[in-house]
Every structure is written in structure tokens, then in C-alpha cells.
Amino acid sequence: MNATACGVGIVGIDGVAVEVQVGHQDGLPGIDITGLPTASIRESRHRVRSAMRAAGYVWPSKRLIANFAPADVPKAGTAYDLPLAIAVLALEEQVPRAGIADAVFYGELALDGAVRAVPGAINAALATREAGRRRLYVAEAAAAEAAAVPDIEVHGVDSLVTLVRALHGELVLPRAQAEAAVCDPSRAVDLRFARGQHRARRALEVAAAGGHNLLFIGPPGCGKTLLARALPGILPPMDLEESLEVTRIHSVCGLTGARSGLVRERPFRAPHASASFVALVGGGNPPRPGEVSLAHRGVLFLDETPEFQRAALECLRAPLEDRQVTVSRANHQLTFPSSFALVCAMNPCPCGHRDDPTRACRCSARSVEMYRRRLSGPLLDRIDIQVELAAVPSEILAAAPEGESSAEVAARASAARRRQIARNRWRGRSLTNAELGVEAMETHAALAERERLHLARAGRALGLTARSWHRVIRVARTIADLSGAPDIERAHLSEALTYRVLDRELNAAGMAGAA
């Protein structure tokens, strides 16, 4: 006679239902574990046995075998403690088997029988719903997060004793409720404190409205970082589906915190320039999400972008284009979502004072060229908006804040986002302008003949690539949405073309070299 309890394993960011099957076998008292367990699972036998004894339950005097099915999927983590304990108790008829038939158990056991939270509670809840099970038992600290998933009952337990009493019907556990998390815009920098830089503020609004990538080029202290940190405060709020996506990524990485519900604020990730390509795109063993996935539905800010490793920057090209990352290993592949707005910041030259009227630049033309080339052409092609910033004069810094607040800008950006989401329906999905593919652009961002000729002439003058050509159209479509225009007009294209600063510089340098 065997007994089975259902747990959840995390593969990438996806929860997978795992059956913990326990039975008797010949041999001396003890337990063998099969099903590709890691060291953390092999050690669980000691935690489970001590927890059961501390709670007053009898550990079997016979030899046991525990199989984690499906047996061909590697198992890792401490979340299997709880289902293993329940399966052993069911085998010894210390809990009713009928009470665990439609339940899933997810948690770590302490030696005194307490149930501890494990990262990935919301992923376990999603796997529970997908497996057709009705109830999920997790640690109390993780119950609010798991309860954000509808259509299942989530119960928080503080100890093994509490759980067993509930399964016997001696105790009624309240159903956990999702936290009513509210987005706190005060965590982002208010845009009204970005004095001067009116053109950069406009570019930031366009980027927020359409989900575009952005590059700021300017001397140290001109406000690049402040503007980047203001972007989350003007992005439209996340809907429920986006919150679920973000929460499941952050939960796997242990970033949601104790007793937290859904992540309602758009992520803002700012990795250091020393970050490796694995830290940026994900990897490791087992593979974990990187910064591009942690910034999903939010902002990834790369300050001093040329100082990042070349390999790390080049690995961003695929996520920016595909909006997902595939990490390949010898025997399996994992895909992580990575739909984010990239904000890069760099100086105009290594010393940072090129074209500064108040400070002398010490850089040679060769060093400036090498510095700019740290950002490759293919990467720059994927950055929709490129803006040059100048140093802010002291008299402007001394003045009181006079610009619009983040709330005012966010209202316009949200209105423009609603227009494009309602219009950009493609293959069953609503897309932002930045997400429009080439085929979808023919339907939702088509140019009239006059505008097409205008862009063709400008494209020849700037040396636009096919990719940057399409990105100009996407930005122009967003500018049109901000103005409430139904179609892309010549003025919208002209403004979008002014955001291709490096295209103009590179084309001018190429013509000078040819001469």
C-alpha cells in the first residue's frame, strides 16, 4: 500500500505538479528518495523526521521509499518537505487520504515542526489551478501572495500540527485573501524635479506612452539618472495579468518579501556595470531569470552603458527583439519573458565634457570614437529614441520646480496607451506600438504616400537601416497617439526622426571619411 501527496516543483519560473509517492520496502528502517533529487531534497528526510517527532507523530519503523514523479524532471529546493511529510503520515494512516486527494502542499519544515515560506508561492498556486486541484496549503507568510491566483482555495498554516488537525476536520483554516496592494507612485522620482531638459522630458513621455527604448547622451550631472528613475512613475499602471507575470518572476527569485501580495508597481532594475551576461539575461544551474526578466513589464536602466562588458551588451539584442529569453542547456531549454523598456545613459566622451562650454574636454577624437563604438550598431538600431542632453545652467537649478508633475504626464501617457491597446489587436493580443511587428505595422501604423516619401528622403540622408526605419514609424505612431491623431502625419515623422541622434552623427562621420 502506497500513499501520495501532491507538491509543486519550479522549473524556470513555471510551477510543475509533482506527486510524492511513499511506500514500504524491504530493508533496515530509513528512507530512500528517487526521482532525480538534489542534495536539498535528500536532506529533507532529516527535516521531515525531526518535524514529525517534534509534533508528536510516529515515524515508521520500516524502510520507506519516496518517489518524486515525474521521475525524469530534476527536483530541487525545500518546498517538498511538506508534501513528503503528509505522504508519510497518510501511509501510516495518521491523516485521512480523502482529505489530501484534491490538495497541494508547498512549504519547508523546520526541525520543531513549523512551516516556513519558500520562494515561488504564486507559481505553486498557478500550478495548482492548472493541475485541476482545489486547495493549496502554504506557509502563512506566503499565503497572501498565493491567494492572488483566482479559482483555488489557499490556506496558510504555521505548523505541521495545525495542518494535520485541519485535514482531520478538527480545525477550520480561514481562506487566505490576496493583499490589496496599491501602487505607490512616490517611490519613483517626480518628473517635476527634472529642471530644464524639456526635450528629454518629451522623449521620456513618448517612451512611456509607447513602451519604447531610450538612450540619454549627456555630461555627468545633467539629469540622465533622475530622468530614468522618473520613468516608472509615468508608465501606465499594470493590469491583473501583467501583475501576475511580474509577481511569478520575482517570487521565484525571492524578491516579493514576506506577507506580500501581487506586485503592482512596474519594476525598475538598475544593474551595475560589472554585471555579466548571465546576470543580465539569466542562466546558472538550475537556470534563473536575469535582469531582463526581472525588469519584465517595467524598466531596465543601464547607467554608464559603455562601461558594461561588450558580451553583456550584445546579449541584449535578442531579448529586445523577441521580448523573451531562451536559456539552452544540454538536455533542456527554458524560456523567460523579458518585455521591458530599456533606458541607457552614457557620456558624450570618456571624460564626459565634450561640447561643454564651461569645461575643457581632454579626449582625443580617436578615444571618443572608440568610446562610442562600445555600443554596436545592431544594439543602437534597437533603441528607438536617442536624445542628447546639455548641462543645466545654475540659474535653472536654483529656480523652483516649474515642469509638469509625473501625474500630469502619466495621464497623457496612459490615454495614449489606451488608444494603441484598443487599436493594435494582432493575433488575439493587444500590443503597444513598440511591440508591433512588421506585418502588424502595415495594418496599424501604415503611412500615406506623402508621409512615406518624406520618410524615404530622410532615411537616405540619415542612412537608416531597415530596422531603424520601422522603429521611426513606431515612434511616430506613438507621437500621433499622444496628439490624438488617427493617422501618422508628417510632423509626427519629423519629430520621430529627431530622436535618431547617433544615426545622424554616424552618417556624417561616414560621409566625412569617404571625402
Protein backbone atom coordinates (compact mmCIF):
# COMPACT_ATOMS: atom_id res chain seq x y z
CA MET A 1 0.00 0.00 0.00
CA ASN A 2 1.33 3.40 -1.04
CA ALA A 3 0.31 6.95 -0.21
CA THR A 4 0.59 10.05 -2.40
CA ALA A 5 0.63 13.77 -1.70
CA CYS A 6 0.95 16.46 -4.34
CA GLY A 7 3.63 19.15 -4.26
CA VAL A 8 4.98 21.65 -6.77
CA GLY A 9 8.41 21.92 -8.35
CA ILE A 10 9.73 25.09 -10.01
CA VAL A 11 11.22 24.72 -13.49
CA GLY A 12 12.47 28.10 -14.59
CA ILE A 13 9.55 30.28 -13.50
CA ASP A 14 6.87 27.67 -14.12
CA GLY A 15 5.33 25.54 -11.41
CA VAL A 16 5.03 21.81 -12.18
CA ALA A 17 2.80 19.49 -10.16
CA VAL A 18 4.88 16.71 -8.57
CA GLU A 19 3.43 13.59 -6.92
CA VAL A 20 5.33 12.48 -3.82
CA GLN A 21 4.68 8.73 -3.63
CA VAL A 22 5.71 6.91 -0.44
CA GLY A 23 5.62 3.16 0.18
CA HIS A 24 7.23 0.37 2.22
CA GLN A 25 10.15 -1.76 1.05
CA ASP A 26 12.45 -4.38 2.48
CA GLY A 27 15.48 -3.31 4.49
CA LEU A 28 16.52 -1.59 7.65
CA PRO A 29 14.49 1.41 8.87
CA GLY A 30 15.15 4.53 6.83
CA ILE A 31 14.02 6.18 3.61
CA ASP A 32 15.32 6.20 0.04
CA ILE A 33 14.39 9.04 -2.32
CA THR A 34 14.18 8.67 -6.10
CA GLY A 35 13.18 11.00 -8.92
CA LEU A 36 16.37 12.98 -9.62
CA PRO A 37 16.60 14.68 -6.21
CA THR A 38 19.26 17.25 -5.37
CA ALA A 39 21.07 17.45 -2.03
CA SER A 40 18.39 19.77 -0.59
CA ILE A 41 15.76 17.08 -1.18
CA ARG A 42 17.92 14.21 0.09
CA GLU A 43 18.40 16.23 3.28
CA SER A 44 14.63 16.68 3.62
CA ARG A 45 14.34 13.24 5.22
CA HIS A 46 16.13 14.58 8.30
CA ARG A 47 13.98 17.71 8.48
CA VAL A 48 10.74 15.77 7.98
CA ARG A 49 11.60 13.10 10.53
CA SER A 50 12.58 15.66 13.19
CA ALA A 51 9.48 17.79 12.47
CA MET A 52 7.16 14.78 12.79
CA ARG A 53 8.70 13.71 16.08
CA ALA A 54 8.57 17.28 17.45
CA ALA A 55 4.88 17.42 16.51
CA GLY A 56 4.17 14.13 18.27
CA TYR A 57 3.67 11.90 15.23
CA VAL A 58 5.20 8.46 14.74
CA TRP A 59 7.93 7.93 12.16
CA PRO A 60 7.52 4.47 10.53
CA SER A 61 9.76 1.71 11.87
CA LYS A 62 10.00 0.13 8.42
CA ARG A 63 12.13 1.11 5.44
CA LEU A 64 10.42 3.57 3.10
CA ILE A 65 10.88 4.61 -0.49
CA ALA A 66 9.77 8.04 -1.71
CA ASN A 67 9.45 8.67 -5.44
CA PHE A 68 9.04 12.17 -6.84
CA ALA A 69 7.06 11.84 -10.10
CA PRO A 70 7.56 12.63 -12.90
CA ALA A 71 10.90 10.97 -12.21
CA ASP A 72 12.69 12.42 -15.27
CA VAL A 73 12.39 16.06 -14.13
CA PRO A 74 15.22 17.25 -11.83
CA LYS A 75 13.93 18.21 -8.37
CA ALA A 76 15.49 20.95 -6.24
CA GLY A 77 14.56 23.12 -3.29
CA THR A 78 13.00 22.64 0.12
CA ALA A 79 9.33 23.05 -0.87
CA TYR A 80 8.93 19.24 -1.00
CA ASP A 81 9.24 18.91 2.80
CA LEU A 82 5.53 19.43 3.39
CA PRO A 83 4.17 17.00 0.77
CA LEU A 84 6.73 14.38 1.86
CA ALA A 85 5.61 14.66 5.48
CA ILE A 86 1.92 14.44 4.52
CA ALA A 87 2.57 11.39 2.32
CA VAL A 88 4.38 9.61 5.17
CA LEU A 89 1.57 10.48 7.58
CA ALA A 90 -1.03 9.23 5.10
CA LEU A 91 0.92 5.98 4.64
CA GLU A 92 0.77 5.42 8.40
CA GLU A 93 -2.92 6.47 8.45
CA GLN A 94 -2.20 9.46 10.65
CA VAL A 95 -4.05 11.75 8.19
CA PRO A 96 -7.12 10.81 6.11
CA ARG A 97 -6.29 10.07 2.49
CA ALA A 98 -9.59 11.58 1.35
CA GLY A 99 -8.55 14.91 2.85
CA ILE A 100 -5.47 15.23 0.65
CA ALA A 101 -6.91 13.94 -2.63
CA ASP A 102 -7.54 17.40 -4.14
CA ALA A 103 -4.91 19.33 -2.18
CA VAL A 104 -1.40 20.59 -2.93
CA PHE A 105 1.25 21.20 -0.26
CA TYR A 106 4.12 23.68 -0.64
CA GLY A 107 6.48 24.58 2.17
CA GLU A 108 9.63 23.87 4.14
CA LEU A 109 9.62 22.24 7.57
CA ALA A 110 11.71 23.38 10.50
CA LEU A 111 13.02 20.85 12.99
CA ASP A 112 10.35 21.92 15.50
CA GLY A 113 7.53 21.32 13.02
CA ALA A 114 7.00 24.93 11.94
CA VAL A 115 6.13 25.57 8.28
CA ARG A 116 8.38 28.09 6.55
CA ALA A 117 7.75 30.05 3.39
CA VAL A 118 9.55 29.08 0.19
CA PRO A 119 10.05 31.33 -2.88
CA GLY A 120 7.56 30.67 -5.68
CA ALA A 121 4.24 30.58 -3.79
CA ILE A 122 2.31 32.22 -6.62
CA ASN A 123 3.90 29.81 -9.11
CA ALA A 124 2.69 26.94 -6.91
CA ALA A 125 -0.82 28.45 -6.93
CA LEU A 126 -0.82 28.68 -10.72
CA ALA A 127 0.36 25.06 -10.97
CA THR A 128 -2.36 24.00 -8.53
CA ARG A 129 -5.04 25.58 -10.70
CA GLU A 130 -3.57 24.12 -13.87
CA ALA A 131 -3.49 20.64 -12.32
CA GLY A 132 -7.21 20.90 -11.53
CA ARG A 133 -6.72 20.79 -7.75
CA ARG A 134 -8.88 22.84 -5.42
CA ARG A 135 -6.78 23.60 -2.32
CA LEU A 136 -3.24 24.80 -1.69
CA TYR A 137 -1.56 24.74 1.72
CA VAL A 138 1.42 27.07 2.15
CA ALA A 139 3.21 28.86 4.98
CA GLU A 140 1.25 31.75 6.47
CA ALA A 141 3.86 34.25 5.28
CA ALA A 142 3.30 33.22 1.63
CA ALA A 143 -0.49 32.82 1.72
CA ALA A 144 -1.35 36.36 0.59
CA GLU A 145 0.87 36.03 -2.46
CA ALA A 146 -0.58 32.65 -3.48
CA ALA A 147 -4.15 33.87 -2.87
CA ALA A 148 -3.80 36.35 -5.74
CA VAL A 149 -4.48 33.46 -8.14
CA PRO A 150 -8.26 33.08 -8.57
CA ASP A 151 -10.30 29.84 -8.64
CA ILE A 152 -8.40 27.97 -5.90
CA GLU A 153 -8.53 27.96 -2.10
CA VAL A 154 -5.31 28.98 -0.39
CA HIS A 155 -4.80 28.19 3.29
CA GLY A 156 -1.87 29.42 5.35
CA VAL A 157 -0.50 27.08 8.03
CA ASP A 158 2.00 27.84 10.76
CA SER A 159 2.95 24.28 11.74
CA LEU A 160 2.60 20.63 10.82
CA VAL A 161 0.26 20.12 13.78
CA THR A 162 -2.12 22.82 12.51
CA LEU A 163 -2.16 21.26 9.05
CA VAL A 164 -2.86 17.73 10.31
CA ARG A 165 -5.67 18.96 12.55
CA ALA A 166 -7.21 20.79 9.58
CA LEU A 167 -7.01 17.66 7.40
CA HIS A 168 -8.78 15.70 10.18
CA GLY A 169 -11.52 18.32 10.30
CA GLU A 170 -10.68 19.33 13.85
CA LEU A 171 -9.74 22.84 12.79
CA VAL A 172 -11.19 25.13 10.13
CA LEU A 173 -8.47 27.16 8.44
CA PRO A 174 -9.61 30.53 7.06
CA ARG A 175 -9.21 31.04 3.35
CA ALA A 176 -6.31 33.37 2.66
CA GLN A 177 -7.08 36.67 0.99
CA ALA A 178 -4.90 38.47 -1.51
CA GLU A 179 -3.34 41.68 -0.29
CA ALA A 180 -4.97 44.78 -1.74
CA ALA A 181 -1.62 46.10 -2.95
CA VAL A 182 -1.70 49.67 -4.16
CA CYS A 183 0.88 51.19 -6.47
CA ASP A 184 2.88 53.84 -4.64
CA PRO A 185 3.98 56.42 -7.22
CA SER A 186 6.02 58.24 -4.57
CA ARG A 187 8.72 55.57 -4.89
CA ALA A 188 9.59 56.94 -8.33
CA VAL A 189 11.23 60.32 -8.80
CA ASP A 190 8.66 63.00 -9.62
CA LEU A 191 9.31 64.41 -13.06
CA ARG A 192 8.73 68.00 -11.91
CA PHE A 193 12.15 67.90 -10.22
CA ALA A 194 13.87 67.37 -13.56
CA ARG A 195 14.67 71.03 -14.14
CA GLY A 196 15.35 72.09 -17.69
CA GLN A 197 15.81 69.22 -20.17
CA HIS A 198 12.45 69.87 -21.84
CA ARG A 199 13.38 67.82 -24.88
CA ALA A 200 14.43 64.87 -22.71
CA ARG A 201 11.17 65.12 -20.75
CA ARG A 202 9.23 64.96 -24.01
CA ALA A 203 11.24 61.92 -25.12
CA LEU A 204 10.51 60.26 -21.77
CA GLU A 205 6.78 60.85 -22.26
CA VAL A 206 6.88 59.33 -25.74
CA ALA A 207 8.80 56.32 -24.42
CA ALA A 208 6.27 55.82 -21.60
CA ALA A 209 3.29 56.09 -23.95
CA GLY A 210 4.55 53.56 -26.50
CA GLY A 211 6.90 51.32 -24.48
CA HIS A 212 9.95 52.44 -26.46
CA ASN A 213 13.65 52.02 -25.65
CA LEU A 214 15.57 55.17 -24.82
CA LEU A 215 19.18 56.43 -24.83
CA PHE A 216 20.31 59.57 -23.00
CA ILE A 217 23.66 61.10 -24.00
CA GLY A 218 24.94 63.92 -21.85
CA PRO A 219 27.65 65.16 -19.47
CA PRO A 220 27.83 63.99 -15.84
CA GLY A 221 25.21 65.59 -13.59
CA CYS A 222 22.85 66.73 -16.36
CA GLY A 223 19.95 64.61 -15.07
CA LYS A 224 20.17 61.33 -17.02
CA THR A 225 19.74 59.10 -13.97
CA LEU A 226 16.99 61.28 -12.48
CA LEU A 227 15.02 61.13 -15.72
CA ALA A 228 15.43 57.36 -15.94
CA ARG A 229 14.20 56.90 -12.37
CA ALA A 230 11.18 59.05 -13.15
CA LEU A 231 10.05 56.75 -15.98
CA PRO A 232 8.25 54.13 -13.79
CA GLY A 233 6.15 56.94 -12.29
CA ILE A 234 4.68 57.92 -15.68
CA LEU A 235 4.14 54.43 -17.06
CA PRO A 236 0.50 53.24 -17.14
CA PRO A 237 -0.45 51.01 -14.17
CA MET A 238 -0.24 47.26 -14.66
CA ASP A 239 -3.39 45.21 -15.16
CA LEU A 240 -4.02 41.92 -13.33
CA GLU A 241 -2.40 39.76 -16.00
CA GLU A 242 0.76 41.85 -16.03
CA SER A 243 0.92 41.81 -12.22
CA LEU A 244 0.69 38.03 -12.21
CA GLU A 245 3.52 37.79 -14.76
CA VAL A 246 5.78 40.09 -12.75
CA THR A 247 4.96 38.51 -9.40
CA ARG A 248 5.73 34.97 -10.53
CA ILE A 249 9.17 36.05 -11.78
CA HIS A 250 10.02 37.99 -8.62
CA SER A 251 8.61 35.26 -6.37
CA VAL A 252 10.90 32.59 -7.86
CA CYS A 253 13.86 34.87 -7.17
CA GLY A 254 12.72 35.51 -3.60
CA LEU A 255 12.12 39.24 -4.17
CA THR A 256 8.45 39.51 -3.17
CA GLY A 257 9.08 39.65 0.57
CA ALA A 258 7.13 38.18 3.45
CA ARG A 259 3.33 38.54 3.56
CA SER A 260 3.19 40.39 0.26
CA GLY A 261 0.55 40.13 -2.40
CA LEU A 262 0.76 40.90 -6.08
CA VAL A 263 3.49 43.20 -7.36
CA ARG A 264 1.55 46.25 -8.53
CA GLU A 265 4.42 48.63 -9.27
CA ARG A 266 6.30 48.35 -12.51
CA PRO A 267 9.82 47.00 -11.86
CA PHE A 268 12.84 49.25 -12.11
CA ARG A 269 16.12 47.36 -12.38
CA ALA A 270 19.49 49.11 -12.47
CA PRO A 271 22.32 46.54 -12.56
CA HIS A 272 25.90 47.67 -12.01
CA ALA A 273 28.22 47.97 -14.99
CA SER A 274 30.19 44.96 -13.73
CA ALA A 275 27.19 42.65 -14.33
CA SER A 276 27.97 39.64 -16.51
CA PHE A 277 25.87 38.48 -19.43
CA VAL A 278 24.48 35.66 -17.24
CA ALA A 279 23.37 38.22 -14.65
CA LEU A 280 21.65 40.23 -17.39
CA VAL A 281 19.87 37.55 -19.43
CA GLY A 282 19.72 34.67 -16.94
CA GLY A 283 21.40 31.30 -16.60
CA GLY A 284 23.17 29.28 -13.97
CA ASN A 285 22.42 25.75 -12.81
CA PRO A 286 19.49 25.48 -12.50
CA PRO A 287 18.79 28.43 -14.81
CA ARG A 288 17.37 31.50 -13.08
CA PRO A 289 15.89 34.70 -14.53
CA GLY A 290 18.30 37.56 -15.17
CA GLU A 291 17.84 41.32 -15.01
CA VAL A 292 16.00 41.45 -18.36
CA SER A 293 13.32 39.15 -16.91
CA LEU A 294 13.23 40.87 -13.52
CA ALA A 295 12.52 44.09 -15.47
CA HIS A 296 9.61 42.42 -17.33
CA ARG A 297 6.76 44.94 -17.81
CA GLY A 298 9.00 47.61 -16.33
CA VAL A 299 12.27 49.44 -16.91
CA LEU A 300 15.85 48.19 -17.26
CA PHE A 301 18.27 51.06 -16.69
CA LEU A 302 21.90 50.73 -17.74
CA ASP A 303 23.81 53.69 -16.35
CA GLU A 304 27.19 54.34 -17.99
CA THR A 305 26.24 51.83 -20.68
CA PRO A 306 29.62 51.78 -22.49
CA GLU A 307 31.24 50.55 -19.26
CA PHE A 308 29.32 47.27 -19.42
CA GLN A 309 31.10 44.27 -20.91
CA ARG A 310 30.68 44.07 -24.67
CA ALA A 311 29.39 40.49 -24.44
CA ALA A 312 26.81 41.56 -21.84
CA LEU A 313 25.51 44.37 -24.05
CA GLU A 314 25.34 42.23 -27.18
CA CYS A 315 23.32 39.57 -25.39
CA LEU A 316 20.53 42.17 -25.01
CA ARG A 317 19.84 42.16 -28.73
CA ALA A 318 17.67 39.04 -28.76
CA PRO A 319 15.54 39.98 -25.72
CA LEU A 320 14.94 43.45 -27.16
CA GLU A 321 13.74 41.95 -30.43
CA ASP A 322 11.91 38.82 -29.25
CA ARG A 323 10.78 40.06 -25.81
CA GLN A 324 11.78 36.73 -24.30
CA VAL A 325 14.98 34.90 -23.39
CA THR A 326 15.72 31.25 -24.13
CA VAL A 327 18.39 29.65 -21.95
CA SER A 328 19.64 26.43 -23.55
CA ARG A 329 21.29 23.56 -21.74
CA ALA A 330 22.42 20.14 -22.97
CA ASN A 331 19.17 18.39 -22.09
CA HIS A 332 16.55 21.14 -21.88
CA GLN A 333 15.59 24.72 -22.70
CA LEU A 334 13.89 27.32 -20.54
CA THR A 335 12.18 30.48 -21.77
CA PHE A 336 11.82 33.57 -19.58
CA PRO A 337 9.66 36.59 -20.52
CA SER A 338 11.55 39.86 -21.00
CA SER A 339 9.27 42.59 -22.33
CA PHE A 340 10.82 45.73 -20.86
CA ALA A 341 11.68 49.30 -21.72
CA LEU A 342 15.45 49.75 -21.96
CA VAL A 343 16.88 53.07 -20.79
CA CYS A 344 20.58 53.61 -21.45
CA ALA A 345 22.70 56.54 -20.27
CA MET A 346 26.16 57.48 -21.45
CA ASN A 347 28.55 60.41 -21.54
CA PRO A 348 29.38 62.12 -24.85
CA CYS A 349 33.02 61.09 -24.40
CA PRO A 350 35.20 59.27 -21.86
CA CYS A 351 35.78 62.38 -19.72
CA GLY A 352 32.18 63.48 -20.17
CA HIS A 353 32.78 67.13 -21.15
CA ARG A 354 32.72 67.08 -24.94
CA ASP A 355 30.99 70.25 -26.31
CA ASP A 356 30.73 71.61 -22.75
CA PRO A 357 31.34 75.40 -22.91
CA THR A 358 32.39 75.57 -19.25
CA ARG A 359 34.81 72.64 -19.06
CA ALA A 360 37.57 71.53 -21.40
CA CYS A 361 37.38 68.06 -22.93
CA ARG A 362 40.61 66.06 -22.60
CA CYS A 363 39.63 63.32 -25.06
CA SER A 364 41.12 62.81 -28.49
CA ALA A 365 38.92 62.19 -31.49
CA ARG A 366 40.13 58.60 -31.54
CA SER A 367 39.21 57.98 -27.90
CA VAL A 368 35.76 59.49 -28.45
CA GLU A 369 35.22 57.24 -31.45
CA MET A 370 36.31 54.13 -29.52
CA TYR A 371 34.07 55.11 -26.62
CA ARG A 372 31.02 55.46 -28.89
CA ARG A 373 31.80 52.18 -30.62
CA ARG A 374 31.32 50.28 -27.38
CA LEU A 375 27.65 50.43 -28.32
CA SER A 376 27.41 48.42 -31.52
CA GLY A 377 25.30 49.41 -34.50
CA PRO A 378 22.88 46.46 -34.09
CA LEU A 379 22.24 47.43 -30.46
CA LEU A 380 21.72 51.12 -31.30
CA ASP A 381 19.30 50.06 -34.04
CA ARG A 382 17.11 48.55 -31.33
CA ILE A 383 16.96 51.78 -29.31
CA ASP A 384 14.02 53.78 -30.63
CA ILE A 385 14.75 57.17 -29.06
CA GLN A 386 18.21 58.76 -28.76
CA VAL A 387 18.44 62.15 -27.06
CA GLU A 388 21.38 64.45 -26.34
CA LEU A 389 21.27 66.41 -23.07
CA ALA A 390 23.24 69.52 -22.18
CA ALA A 391 24.39 70.64 -18.76
CA VAL A 392 21.71 72.55 -16.83
CA PRO A 393 22.69 76.17 -16.02
CA SER A 394 22.92 77.15 -12.36
CA GLU A 395 20.13 79.71 -12.60
CA ILE A 396 17.70 76.99 -13.70
CA LEU A 397 18.83 74.70 -10.90
CA ALA A 398 18.29 77.50 -8.39
CA ALA A 399 14.74 78.14 -9.59
CA ALA A 400 11.71 76.39 -8.11
CA PRO A 401 10.41 73.31 -9.95
CA GLU A 402 8.30 74.55 -12.85
CA GLY A 403 7.77 71.50 -15.02
CA GLU A 404 4.77 69.22 -15.10
CA SER A 405 4.46 66.57 -12.40
CA SER A 406 4.66 62.87 -13.10
CA ALA A 407 0.91 62.56 -12.51
CA GLU A 408 0.12 65.02 -15.31
CA VAL A 409 2.48 63.35 -17.76
CA ALA A 410 1.26 59.89 -16.72
CA ALA A 411 -2.32 60.87 -17.54
CA ARG A 412 -1.38 61.71 -21.14
CA ALA A 413 0.80 58.62 -21.49
CA SER A 414 -1.98 56.37 -20.16
CA ALA A 415 -4.51 57.91 -22.55
CA ALA A 416 -2.17 57.30 -25.50
CA ARG A 417 -1.52 53.74 -24.29
CA ARG A 418 -5.26 53.05 -24.12
CA ARG A 419 -5.68 54.22 -27.71
CA GLN A 420 -3.00 51.90 -29.04
CA ILE A 421 -4.09 48.93 -26.94
CA ALA A 422 -7.64 49.31 -28.29
CA ARG A 423 -6.38 49.63 -31.87
CA ASN A 424 -3.38 47.29 -32.02
CA ARG A 425 -5.17 43.95 -31.93
CA TRP A 426 -2.99 41.28 -33.55
CA ARG A 427 -3.49 37.53 -33.41
CA GLY A 428 -5.59 37.71 -30.29
CA ARG A 429 -3.28 40.07 -28.40
CA SER A 430 -3.28 43.80 -27.71
CA LEU A 431 0.14 45.31 -28.42
CA THR A 432 1.89 48.54 -27.60
CA ASN A 433 3.33 50.45 -30.52
CA ALA A 434 6.84 49.28 -29.61
CA GLU A 435 5.67 45.64 -29.84
CA LEU A 436 4.21 45.93 -33.34
CA GLY A 437 5.82 43.54 -35.79
CA VAL A 438 6.50 44.47 -39.41
CA GLU A 439 3.34 42.75 -40.61
CA ALA A 440 1.18 44.34 -37.91
CA MET A 441 2.57 47.78 -38.76
CA GLU A 442 1.07 47.54 -42.24
CA THR A 443 -2.34 47.43 -40.59
CA HIS A 444 -1.98 49.65 -37.53
CA ALA A 445 0.82 52.09 -38.47
CA ALA A 446 0.53 52.45 -42.24
CA LEU A 447 1.89 55.58 -43.90
CA ALA A 448 0.15 57.60 -46.59
CA GLU A 449 2.07 58.23 -49.80
CA ARG A 450 3.14 61.75 -48.81
CA GLU A 451 4.48 60.60 -45.45
CA ARG A 452 6.21 57.59 -47.00
CA LEU A 453 8.11 59.82 -49.44
CA HIS A 454 9.09 62.17 -46.61
CA LEU A 455 10.50 59.30 -44.57
CA ALA A 456 12.31 57.88 -47.62
CA ARG A 457 14.12 61.17 -48.22
CA ALA A 458 15.02 61.49 -44.55
CA GLY A 459 16.09 57.85 -44.40
CA ARG A 460 18.57 58.37 -47.24
CA ALA A 461 20.01 61.44 -45.55
CA LEU A 462 20.40 59.68 -42.20
CA GLY A 463 21.42 56.29 -43.56
CA LEU A 464 18.61 54.49 -41.71
CA THR A 465 18.70 50.72 -41.66
CA ALA A 466 15.54 48.71 -42.25
CA ARG A 467 15.21 48.12 -38.52
CA SER A 468 15.63 51.79 -37.57
CA TRP A 469 13.19 52.72 -40.40
CA HIS A 470 10.50 50.63 -38.72
CA ARG A 471 11.36 52.00 -35.29
CA VAL A 472 10.93 55.56 -36.54
CA ILE A 473 7.43 54.62 -37.72
CA ARG A 474 6.59 53.05 -34.34
CA VAL A 475 7.73 56.19 -32.51
CA ALA A 476 5.76 58.38 -34.92
CA ARG A 477 2.68 56.26 -34.27
CA THR A 478 3.08 56.92 -30.54
CA ILE A 479 3.52 60.66 -31.11
CA ALA A 480 0.32 60.60 -33.14
CA ASP A 481 -1.46 58.79 -30.28
CA LEU A 482 -0.26 61.45 -27.82
CA SER A 483 -1.74 64.16 -30.04
CA GLY A 484 -4.95 62.18 -30.59
CA ALA A 485 -4.40 61.97 -34.37
CA PRO A 486 -5.91 58.93 -36.11
CA ASP A 487 -3.10 58.70 -38.70
CA ILE A 488 0.63 59.31 -38.76
CA GLU A 489 1.33 62.77 -40.16
CA ARG A 490 4.47 64.38 -41.49
CA ALA A 491 5.00 66.37 -38.27
CA HIS A 492 4.92 63.14 -36.25
CA LEU A 493 7.54 61.57 -38.50
CA SER A 494 9.72 64.69 -38.32
CA GLU A 495 9.73 64.59 -34.51
CA ALA A 496 10.47 60.86 -34.51
CA LEU A 497 13.43 61.43 -36.86
CA THR A 498 14.93 64.00 -34.48
CA TYR A 499 15.30 61.18 -31.95
CA ARG A 500 17.85 59.36 -34.15
CA VAL A 501 20.85 61.41 -32.93
CA LEU A 502 23.51 58.76 -33.42
CA ASP A 503 22.24 57.88 -36.89
CA ARG A 504 22.91 61.46 -37.93
CA GLU A 505 26.36 61.50 -36.34
CA LEU A 506 27.41 58.15 -37.79
CA ASN A 507 26.18 59.10 -41.23
CA ALA A 508 28.02 62.44 -41.09
CA ALA A 509 31.19 60.67 -39.96
CA GLY A 510 30.87 58.19 -42.80
CA MET A 511 30.47 60.93 -45.39
CA ALA A 512 33.46 62.79 -43.97
CA GLY A 513 35.53 59.61 -44.12
CA ALA A 514 34.53 59.00 -47.73
CA ALA A 515 35.53 62.54 -48.64
